[in-house]
Amino acid sequence: MNPLASRFIRPEEVSSHVIRHLVQKVKDTLGHDEEVGQAVITVPAHFNPSQRRATVEAATMAGLKKITLLQGESDQEAWKKAD
């Protein structure tokens, strides 16, 4: 039996696995094993402070030491640019 099947997995845990995978892909693409300790992560404009904190927590769980969040543009801003 899968040990994870018997417990609740927090969204931050799932996100941290995704971030770890992305970090590994960056390392593979760049062709080196240097430590990746910093990242800039874009979050949707509608994310509230709690959701932004959860994103930072996930990045920290993934092993990142310095995380900068950028707020993406809203749908309304994107539509204005498309016109």
Protein backbone atom coordinates (compact mmCIF):
# COMPACT_ATOMS: atom_id res chain seq x y z
CA MET A 1 0.00 0.00 0.00
CA ASN A 2 1.20 3.47 -0.85
CA PRO A 3 2.13 5.25 2.43
CA LEU A 4 0.82 8.54 1.06
CA ALA A 5 -2.61 7.08 0.36
CA SER A 6 -3.39 6.90 4.06
CA ARG A 7 -2.77 10.56 4.86
CA PHE A 8 -3.94 13.97 3.72
CA ILE A 9 -1.46 15.72 1.44
CA ARG A 10 -1.43 19.50 1.73
CA PRO A 11 -1.44 21.55 -1.48
CA GLU A 12 1.91 23.04 -0.45
CA GLU A 13 3.43 19.55 -0.46
CA VAL A 14 2.20 18.89 -4.00
CA SER A 15 3.48 22.29 -5.12
CA SER A 16 6.88 21.64 -3.54
CA HIS A 17 7.22 18.43 -5.58
CA VAL A 18 6.39 20.35 -8.76
CA ILE A 19 8.95 23.04 -7.88
CA ARG A 20 11.61 20.39 -7.12
CA HIS A 21 10.93 18.83 -10.52
CA LEU A 22 11.24 22.22 -12.26
CA VAL A 23 14.51 22.96 -10.45
CA GLN A 24 15.88 19.60 -11.57
CA LYS A 25 14.82 20.33 -15.16
CA VAL A 26 16.69 23.66 -15.01
CA LYS A 27 19.81 21.92 -13.70
CA ASP A 28 19.58 19.28 -16.42
CA THR A 29 19.05 21.89 -19.13
CA LEU A 30 21.99 24.00 -17.97
CA GLY A 31 24.12 20.88 -17.68
CA HIS A 32 25.48 21.37 -14.19
CA ASP A 33 24.81 20.26 -10.65
CA GLU A 34 25.22 23.62 -8.96
CA GLU A 35 22.82 24.31 -6.14
CA VAL A 36 19.75 26.26 -7.22
CA GLY A 37 18.80 28.28 -4.18
CA GLN A 38 16.91 31.22 -5.64
CA ALA A 39 13.81 31.57 -7.76
CA VAL A 40 11.36 34.11 -9.05
CA ILE A 41 7.84 32.69 -9.07
CA THR A 42 4.89 34.38 -10.74
CA VAL A 43 1.55 34.01 -8.99
CA PRO A 44 -1.86 34.95 -10.41
CA ALA A 45 -3.05 38.49 -9.74
CA HIS A 46 -6.06 37.21 -7.81
CA PHE A 47 -3.95 35.30 -5.24
CA ASN A 48 -4.63 36.56 -1.73
CA PRO A 49 -1.91 36.89 0.95
CA SER A 50 -2.59 33.39 2.27
CA GLN A 51 -2.12 31.87 -1.17
CA ARG A 52 1.09 33.83 -1.69
CA ARG A 53 2.40 32.60 1.69
CA ALA A 54 1.54 29.02 0.71
CA THR A 55 3.51 29.47 -2.53
CA VAL A 56 6.55 30.69 -0.58
CA GLU A 57 6.16 27.77 1.85
CA ALA A 58 6.08 25.30 -1.04
CA ALA A 59 9.23 26.83 -2.54
CA THR A 60 10.96 26.65 0.84
CA MET A 61 9.92 23.00 1.23
CA ALA A 62 11.45 22.40 -2.21
CA GLY A 63 14.79 23.64 -0.91
CA LEU A 64 14.85 27.17 -2.25
CA LYS A 65 16.42 29.71 0.09
CA LYS A 66 15.46 33.00 -1.58
CA ILE A 67 12.08 33.35 -3.24
CA THR A 68 10.76 36.43 -5.00
CA LEU A 69 7.10 36.50 -5.93
CA LEU A 70 5.87 38.46 -8.89
CA GLN A 71 2.19 39.15 -9.19
CA GLY A 72 0.90 38.33 -12.65
CA GLU A 73 -1.40 40.66 -14.43
CA SER A 74 -5.14 40.34 -14.08
CA ASP A 75 -7.31 39.06 -16.90
CA GLN A 76 -8.59 42.58 -17.36
CA GLU A 77 -5.04 43.95 -17.80
CA ALA A 78 -4.21 41.18 -20.27
CA TRP A 79 -7.29 41.96 -22.36
CA LYS A 80 -6.39 45.66 -22.45
CA LYS A 81 -2.96 44.76 -23.86
CA ALA A 82 -4.55 42.50 -26.47
CA ASP A 83 -6.71 45.33 -27.84
